[in-house]
Each structure stands twice: as C-alpha cells, then as structure tokens.
C-alpha cells in the first residue's frame, strides 16, 4: 500500500463500510436462522449458524486490518 495518508484513510473507511455491511448481513441471517429453527428446520438453522461463524471470523480479520491501516 502506498505510504499516502489519504489512501490509507480511504482504504480504512472503505473496509469499515464493508465491515458494517457484514454485521448487518450477519444480523439478518441470524434473524432468519432463528425463524427457520422455530419452524422446525434444524438442518437449515445449523447451515446458517455455520455461515454466521464464517462471517464472525472474517469480521475479526477485517477489524484487525482496519486497525493496522489506521495505526499506520
């Protein structure tokens, strides 16, 4: 990454927006997964839970990357 503060800020801001989108998608998937489980589809609920775990892991990696970029 270029050693340009404006580029770093823009990159961190873009990643932050993606992270916010990821959190919103996770919340929506969780709501649907709970609804599906309540309707008796445990297998689909488990699949959604697995997807949520992946989103959580990637959110952590994104958070760390954003921190590194903003830190300099």
PDB file of N, CA and C in Angstrom:
ATOM      1  N   UNK A   1       0.848  -1.171   0.000  1.00  0.00           N
ATOM      2  CA  UNK A   1       0.000   0.000   0.000  1.00  0.00           C
ATOM      3  C   UNK A   1       0.893   1.234   0.000  1.00  0.00           C
ATOM      4  N   UNK A   2       0.565   2.200  -0.844  1.00  0.00           N
ATOM      5  CA  UNK A   2       1.371   3.423  -0.880  1.00  0.00           C
ATOM      6  C   UNK A   2       1.409   4.095   0.491  1.00  0.00           C
ATOM      7  N   UNK A   3       2.504   4.787   0.726  1.00  0.00           N
ATOM      8  CA  UNK A   3       2.646   5.478   2.011  1.00  0.00           C
ATOM      9  C   UNK A   3       2.008   6.864   1.907  1.00  0.00           C
ATOM     10  N   UNK A   4       0.732   6.871   1.552  1.00  0.00           N
ATOM     11  CA  UNK A   4      -0.027   8.094   1.373  1.00  0.00           C
ATOM     12  C   UNK A   4      -1.153   8.091   2.403  1.00  0.00           C
ATOM     13  N   UNK A   5      -1.134   9.046   3.332  1.00  0.00           N
ATOM     14  CA  UNK A   5      -2.159   9.049   4.383  1.00  0.00           C
ATOM     15  C   UNK A   5      -3.583   9.093   3.854  1.00  0.00           C
ATOM     16  N   UNK A   6      -3.823   9.815   2.769  1.00  0.00           N
ATOM     17  CA  UNK A   6      -5.176   9.899   2.222  1.00  0.00           C
ATOM     18  C   UNK A   6      -5.643   8.552   1.683  1.00  0.00           C
ATOM     19  N   UNK A   7      -4.731   7.820   1.061  1.00  0.00           N
ATOM     20  CA  UNK A   7      -5.071   6.497   0.540  1.00  0.00           C
ATOM     21  C   UNK A   7      -5.360   5.544   1.692  1.00  0.00           C
ATOM     22  N   UNK A   8      -4.559   5.627   2.738  1.00  0.00           N
ATOM     23  CA  UNK A   8      -4.772   4.763   3.900  1.00  0.00           C
ATOM     24  C   UNK A   8      -6.122   5.055   4.561  1.00  0.00           C
ATOM     25  N   UNK A   9      -6.457   6.322   4.690  1.00  0.00           N
ATOM     26  CA  UNK A   9      -7.737   6.694   5.298  1.00  0.00           C
ATOM     27  C   UNK A   9      -8.888   6.198   4.429  1.00  0.00           C
ATOM     28  N   UNK A  10      -8.792   6.393   3.120  1.00  0.00           N
ATOM     29  CA  UNK A  10      -9.855   5.945   2.213  1.00  0.00           C
ATOM     30  C   UNK A  10     -10.002   4.429   2.259  1.00  0.00           C
ATOM     31  N   UNK A  11      -8.883   3.725   2.316  1.00  0.00           N
ATOM     32  CA  UNK A  11      -8.922   2.261   2.391  1.00  0.00           C
ATOM     33  C   UNK A  11      -9.560   1.802   3.689  1.00  0.00           C
ATOM     34  N   UNK A  12      -9.139   2.398   4.788  1.00  0.00           N
ATOM     35  CA  UNK A  12      -9.712   2.027   6.093  1.00  0.00           C
ATOM     36  C   UNK A  12     -11.196   2.360   6.145  1.00  0.00           C
ATOM     37  N   UNK A  13     -11.590   3.498   5.581  1.00  0.00           N
ATOM     38  CA  UNK A  13     -13.009   3.874   5.558  1.00  0.00           C
ATOM     39  C   UNK A  13     -13.824   2.884   4.730  1.00  0.00           C
ATOM     40  N   UNK A  14     -13.287   2.474   3.568  1.00  0.00           N
ATOM     41  CA  UNK A  14     -13.996   1.513   2.716  1.00  0.00           C
ATOM     42  C   UNK A  14     -14.128   0.163   3.422  1.00  0.00           C
ATOM     43  N   UNK A  15     -13.060  -0.285   4.060  1.00  0.00           N
ATOM     44  CA  UNK A  15     -13.119  -1.549   4.801  1.00  0.00           C
ATOM     45  C   UNK A  15     -14.094  -1.461   5.967  1.00  0.00           C
ATOM     46  N   UNK A  16     -14.171  -0.305   6.595  1.00  0.00           N
ATOM     47  CA  UNK A  16     -15.112  -0.114   7.701  1.00  0.00           C
ATOM     48  C   UNK A  16     -16.551  -0.239   7.206  1.00  0.00           C
ATOM     49  N   UNK A  17     -16.831   0.342   6.045  1.00  0.00           N
ATOM     50  CA  UNK A  17     -18.171   0.212   5.470  1.00  0.00           C
ATOM     51  C   UNK A  17     -18.491  -1.242   5.148  1.00  0.00           C
ATOM     52  N   UNK A  18     -17.527  -1.959   4.598  1.00  0.00           N
ATOM     53  CA  UNK A  18     -17.731  -3.386   4.323  1.00  0.00           C
ATOM     54  C   UNK A  18     -17.974  -4.160   5.612  1.00  0.00           C
ATOM     55  N   UNK A  19     -17.260  -3.803   6.657  1.00  0.00           N
ATOM     56  CA  UNK A  19     -17.448  -4.461   7.951  1.00  0.00           C
ATOM     57  C   UNK A  19     -18.855  -4.185   8.490  1.00  0.00           C
ATOM     58  N   UNK A  20     -19.330  -2.951   8.352  1.00  0.00           N
ATOM     59  CA  UNK A  20     -20.693  -2.623   8.790  1.00  0.00           C
ATOM     60  C   UNK A  20     -21.721  -3.427   7.990  1.00  0.00           C
ATOM     61  N   UNK A  21     -21.486  -3.562   6.685  1.00  0.00           N
ATOM     62  CA  UNK A  21     -22.379  -4.378   5.863  1.00  0.00           C
ATOM     63  C   UNK A  21     -22.358  -5.831   6.325  1.00  0.00           C
ATOM     64  N   UNK A  22     -21.191  -6.313   6.654  1.00  0.00           N
ATOM     65  CA  UNK A  22     -21.057  -7.694   7.110  1.00  0.00           C
ATOM     66  C   UNK A  22     -21.827  -7.907   8.411  1.00  0.00           C
ATOM     67  N   UNK A  23     -21.748  -6.953   9.314  1.00  0.00           N
ATOM     68  CA  UNK A  23     -22.508  -7.056  10.569  1.00  0.00           C
ATOM     69  C   UNK A  23     -24.018  -7.038  10.301  1.00  0.00           C
ATOM     70  N   UNK A  24     -24.442  -6.196   9.363  1.00  0.00           N
ATOM     71  CA  UNK A  24     -25.865  -6.131   9.028  1.00  0.00           C
ATOM     72  C   UNK A  24     -26.347  -7.443   8.415  1.00  0.00           C
ATOM     73  N   UNK A  25     -25.544  -8.008   7.516  1.00  0.00           N
ATOM     74  CA  UNK A  25     -25.904  -9.296   6.921  1.00  0.00           C
ATOM     75  C   UNK A  25     -25.951 -10.398   7.975  1.00  0.00           C
ATOM     76  N   UNK A  26     -25.002 -10.385   8.879  1.00  0.00           N
ATOM     77  CA  UNK A  26     -24.995 -11.390   9.952  1.00  0.00           C
ATOM     78  C   UNK A  26     -26.248 -11.279  10.811  1.00  0.00           C
ATOM     79  N   UNK A  27     -26.648 -10.066  11.118  1.00  0.00           N
ATOM     80  CA  UNK A  27     -27.855  -9.871  11.931  1.00  0.00           C
ATOM     81  C   UNK A  27     -29.086 -10.393  11.192  1.00  0.00           C
ATOM     82  N   UNK A  28     -29.162 -10.125   9.902  1.00  0.00           N
ATOM     83  CA  UNK A  28     -30.300 -10.599   9.115  1.00  0.00           C
ATOM     84  C   UNK A  28     -30.305 -12.121   9.022  1.00  0.00           C
ATOM     85  N   UNK A  29     -29.141 -12.709   8.787  1.00  0.00           N
ATOM     86  CA  UNK A  29     -29.050 -14.170   8.716  1.00  0.00           C
ATOM     87  C   UNK A  29     -29.428 -14.796  10.046  1.00  0.00           C
ATOM     88  N   UNK A  30     -29.005 -14.175  11.120  1.00  0.00           N
ATOM     89  CA  UNK A  30     -29.340 -14.706  12.446  1.00  0.00           C
ATOM     90  C   UNK A  30     -30.854 -14.679  12.676  1.00  0.00           C
ATOM     91  N   UNK A  31     -31.501 -13.583  12.288  1.00  0.00           N
ATOM     92  CA  UNK A  31     -32.952 -13.499  12.441  1.00  0.00           C
ATOM     93  C   UNK A  31     -33.657 -14.592  11.638  1.00  0.00           C
ATOM     94  N   UNK A  32     -33.221 -14.772  10.400  1.00  0.00           N
ATOM     95  CA  UNK A  32     -33.828 -15.800   9.554  1.00  0.00           C
ATOM     96  C   UNK A  32     -33.545 -17.187  10.116  1.00  0.00           C
ATOM     97  N   UNK A  33     -32.327 -17.401  10.605  1.00  0.00           N
ATOM     98  CA  UNK A  33     -31.968 -18.705  11.174  1.00  0.00           C
ATOM     99  C   UNK A  33     -32.832 -19.036  12.386  1.00  0.00           C
ATOM    100  N   UNK A  34     -33.074 -18.050  13.224  1.00  0.00           N
ATOM    101  CA  UNK A  34     -33.931 -18.279  14.393  1.00  0.00           C
ATOM    102  C   UNK A  34     -35.360 -18.582  13.973  1.00  0.00           C
ATOM    103  N   UNK A  35     -35.836 -17.868  12.954  1.00  0.00           N
ATOM    104  CA  UNK A  35     -37.184 -18.120  12.451  1.00  0.00           C
ATOM    105  C   UNK A  35     -37.288 -19.530  11.866  1.00  0.00           C
ATOM    106  N   UNK A  36     -36.270 -19.929  11.098  1.00  0.00           N
ATOM    107  CA  UNK A  36     -36.252 -21.256  10.488  1.00  0.00           C
ATOM    108  C   UNK A  36     -36.234 -22.337  11.564  1.00  0.00           C
ATOM    109  N   UNK A  37     -35.431 -22.134  12.602  1.00  0.00           N
ATOM    110  CA  UNK A  37     -35.374 -23.109  13.692  1.00  0.00           C
ATOM    111  C   UNK A  37     -36.730 -23.227  14.384  1.00  0.00           C
ATOM    112  N   UNK A  38     -37.389 -22.091  14.579  1.00  0.00           N
ATOM    113  CA  UNK A  38     -38.710 -22.103  15.215  1.00  0.00           C
ATOM    114  C   UNK A  38     -39.732 -22.861  14.366  1.00  0.00           C
ATOM    115  N   UNK A  39     -39.512 -22.873  13.052  1.00  0.00           N
ATOM    116  CA  UNK A  39     -40.419 -23.588  12.148  1.00  0.00           C
ATOM    117  C   UNK A  39     -40.055 -25.066  12.031  1.00  0.00           C
ATOM    118  N   UNK A  40     -38.969 -25.472  12.698  1.00  0.00           N
ATOM    119  CA  UNK A  40     -38.624 -26.881  12.743  1.00  0.00           C
ATOM    120  C   UNK A  40     -37.557 -27.344  11.768  1.00  0.00           C
ATOM    121  N   UNK A  41     -36.870 -26.439  11.111  1.00  0.00           N
ATOM    122  CA  UNK A  41     -35.822 -26.822  10.156  1.00  0.00           C
ATOM    123  C   UNK A  41     -34.454 -26.696  10.807  1.00  0.00           C
ATOM    124  N   UNK A  42     -34.114 -27.670  11.622  1.00  0.00           N
ATOM    125  CA  UNK A  42     -32.846 -27.604  12.351  1.00  0.00           C
ATOM    126  C   UNK A  42     -31.629 -27.665  11.435  1.00  0.00           C
ATOM    127  N   UNK A  43     -31.692 -28.446  10.352  1.00  0.00           N
ATOM    128  CA  UNK A  43     -30.543 -28.558   9.452  1.00  0.00           C
ATOM    129  C   UNK A  43     -30.231 -27.221   8.793  1.00  0.00           C
ATOM    130  N   UNK A  44     -31.257 -26.530   8.339  1.00  0.00           N
ATOM    131  CA  UNK A  44     -31.046 -25.214   7.718  1.00  0.00           C
ATOM    132  C   UNK A  44     -30.529 -24.227   8.757  1.00  0.00           C
ATOM    133  N   UNK A  45     -31.041 -24.320   9.972  1.00  0.00           N
ATOM    134  CA  UNK A  45     -30.557 -23.459  11.046  1.00  0.00           C
ATOM    135  C   UNK A  45     -29.065 -23.699  11.287  1.00  0.00           C
ATOM    136  N   UNK A  46     -28.654 -24.955  11.302  1.00  0.00           N
ATOM    137  CA  UNK A  46     -27.231 -25.272  11.507  1.00  0.00           C
ATOM    138  C   UNK A  46     -26.380 -24.729  10.368  1.00  0.00           C
ATOM    139  N   UNK A  47     -26.877 -24.826   9.134  1.00  0.00           N
ATOM    140  CA  UNK A  47     -26.137 -24.274   7.994  1.00  0.00           C
ATOM    141  C   UNK A  47     -25.976 -22.758   8.120  1.00  0.00           C
ATOM    142  N   UNK A  48     -27.031 -22.089   8.536  1.00  0.00           N
ATOM    143  CA  UNK A  48     -26.966 -20.642   8.719  1.00  0.00           C
ATOM    144  C   UNK A  48     -26.003 -20.283   9.846  1.00  0.00           C
ATOM    145  N   UNK A  49     -26.007 -21.089  10.900  1.00  0.00           N
ATOM    146  CA  UNK A  49     -25.094 -20.855  12.022  1.00  0.00           C
ATOM    147  C   UNK A  49     -23.641 -21.000  11.579  1.00  0.00           C
ATOM    148  N   UNK A  50     -23.386 -21.970  10.725  1.00  0.00           N
ATOM    149  CA  UNK A  50     -22.033 -22.139  10.189  1.00  0.00           C
ATOM    150  C   UNK A  50     -21.628 -20.918   9.365  1.00  0.00           C
ATOM    151  N   UNK A  51     -22.548 -20.405   8.572  1.00  0.00           N
ATOM    152  CA  UNK A  51     -22.265 -19.195   7.788  1.00  0.00           C
ATOM    153  C   UNK A  51     -21.986 -18.011   8.709  1.00  0.00           C
ATOM    154  N   UNK A  52     -22.732 -17.929   9.806  1.00  0.00           N
ATOM    155  CA  UNK A  52     -22.511 -16.852  10.773  1.00  0.00           C
ATOM    156  C   UNK A  52     -21.127 -16.934  11.403  1.00  0.00           C
ATOM    157  N   UNK A  53     -20.668 -18.146  11.671  1.00  0.00           N
ATOM    158  CA  UNK A  53     -19.328 -18.323  12.237  1.00  0.00           C
ATOM    159  C   UNK A  53     -18.268 -17.802  11.267  1.00  0.00           C
ATOM    160  N   UNK A  54     -18.458 -18.081   9.985  1.00  0.00           N
ATOM    161  CA  UNK A  54     -17.521 -17.584   8.972  1.00  0.00           C
ATOM    162  C   UNK A  54     -17.547 -16.061   8.924  1.00  0.00           C
ATOM    163  N   UNK A  55     -18.738 -15.485   8.963  1.00  0.00           N
ATOM    164  CA  UNK A  55     -18.839 -14.021   8.978  1.00  0.00           C
ATOM    165  C   UNK A  55     -18.138 -13.430  10.193  1.00  0.00           C
ATOM    166  N   UNK A  56     -18.295 -14.068  11.342  1.00  0.00           N
ATOM    167  CA  UNK A  56     -17.640 -13.582  12.561  1.00  0.00           C
ATOM    168  C   UNK A  56     -16.124 -13.637  12.441  1.00  0.00           C
ATOM    169  N   UNK A  57     -15.611 -14.748  11.915  1.00  0.00           N
ATOM    170  CA  UNK A  57     -14.160 -14.884  11.745  1.00  0.00           C
ATOM    171  C   UNK A  57     -13.631 -13.822  10.793  1.00  0.00           C
ATOM    172  N   UNK A  58     -14.337 -13.626   9.686  1.00  0.00           N
ATOM    173  CA  UNK A  58     -13.894 -12.625   8.715  1.00  0.00           C
ATOM    174  C   UNK A  58     -14.037 -11.210   9.254  1.00  0.00           C
ATOM    175  N   UNK A  59     -15.043 -10.978  10.070  1.00  0.00           N
ATOM    176  CA  UNK A  59     -15.203  -9.648  10.679  1.00  0.00           C
ATOM    177  C   UNK A  59     -14.032  -9.342  11.594  1.00  0.00           C
ATOM    178  N   UNK A  60     -13.578 -10.345  12.309  1.00  0.00           N
ATOM    179  CA  UNK A  60     -12.420 -10.145  13.182  1.00  0.00           C
ATOM    180  C   UNK A  60     -11.187  -9.803  12.351  1.00  0.00           C
ATOM    181  N   UNK A  61     -10.983 -10.520  11.253  1.00  0.00           N
ATOM    182  CA  UNK A  61      -9.837 -10.240  10.385  1.00  0.00           C
ATOM    183  C   UNK A  61      -9.941  -8.839   9.780  1.00  0.00           C
ATOM    184  N   UNK A  62     -11.135  -8.453   9.364  1.00  0.00           N
ATOM    185  CA  UNK A  62     -11.323  -7.103   8.833  1.00  0.00           C
ATOM    186  C   UNK A  62     -11.038  -6.041   9.890  1.00  0.00           C
ATOM    187  N   UNK A  63     -11.508  -6.281  11.096  1.00  0.00           N
ATOM    188  CA  UNK A  63     -11.268  -5.327  12.184  1.00  0.00           C
ATOM    189  C   UNK A  63      -9.782  -5.146  12.437  1.00  0.00           C
ATOM    190  N   UNK A  64      -9.052  -6.241  12.430  1.00  0.00           N
ATOM    191  CA  UNK A  64      -7.606  -6.173  12.641  1.00  0.00           C
ATOM    192  C   UNK A  64      -6.926  -5.411  11.508  1.00  0.00           C
ATOM    193  N   UNK A  65      -7.355  -5.662  10.271  1.00  0.00           N
ATOM    194  CA  UNK A  65      -6.772  -4.965   9.118  1.00  0.00           C
ATOM    195  C   UNK A  65      -7.055  -3.465   9.196  1.00  0.00           C
ATOM    196  N   UNK A  66      -8.270  -3.124   9.540  1.00  0.00           N
ATOM    197  CA  UNK A  66      -8.634  -1.706   9.670  1.00  0.00           C
ATOM    198  C   UNK A  66      -7.776  -1.044  10.735  1.00  0.00           C
ATOM    199  N   UNK A  67      -7.616  -1.712  11.856  1.00  0.00           N
ATOM    200  CA  UNK A  67      -6.785  -1.180  12.943  1.00  0.00           C
ATOM    201  C   UNK A  67      -5.350  -0.959  12.456  1.00  0.00           C
ATOM    202  N   UNK A  68      -4.813  -1.943  11.756  1.00  0.00           N
ATOM    203  CA  UNK A  68      -3.420  -1.825  11.266  1.00  0.00           C
ATOM    204  C   UNK A  68      -3.281  -0.641  10.311  1.00  0.00           C
ATOM    205  N   UNK A  69      -4.246  -0.492   9.407  1.00  0.00           N
ATOM    206  CA  UNK A  69      -4.173   0.606   8.443  1.00  0.00           C
ATOM    207  C   UNK A  69      -4.278   1.953   9.153  1.00  0.00           C
ATOM    208  N   UNK A  70      -5.206   2.063  10.070  1.00  0.00           N
ATOM    209  CA  UNK A  70      -5.392   3.346  10.766  1.00  0.00           C
ATOM    210  C   UNK A  70      -4.219   3.663  11.687  1.00  0.00           C
ATOM    211  N   UNK A  71      -3.604   2.627  12.228  1.00  0.00           N
ATOM    212  CA  UNK A  71      -2.455   2.813  13.106  1.00  0.00           C
ATOM    213  C   UNK A  71      -1.236   3.305  12.340  1.00  0.00           C
ATOM    214  N   UNK A  72      -1.182   2.914  11.083  1.00  0.00           N
ATOM    215  CA  UNK A  72      -0.079   3.400  10.252  1.00  0.00           C
ATOM    216  C   UNK A  72       0.905   2.376   9.993  1.00  0.00           C
TER     217      UNK A  72
END
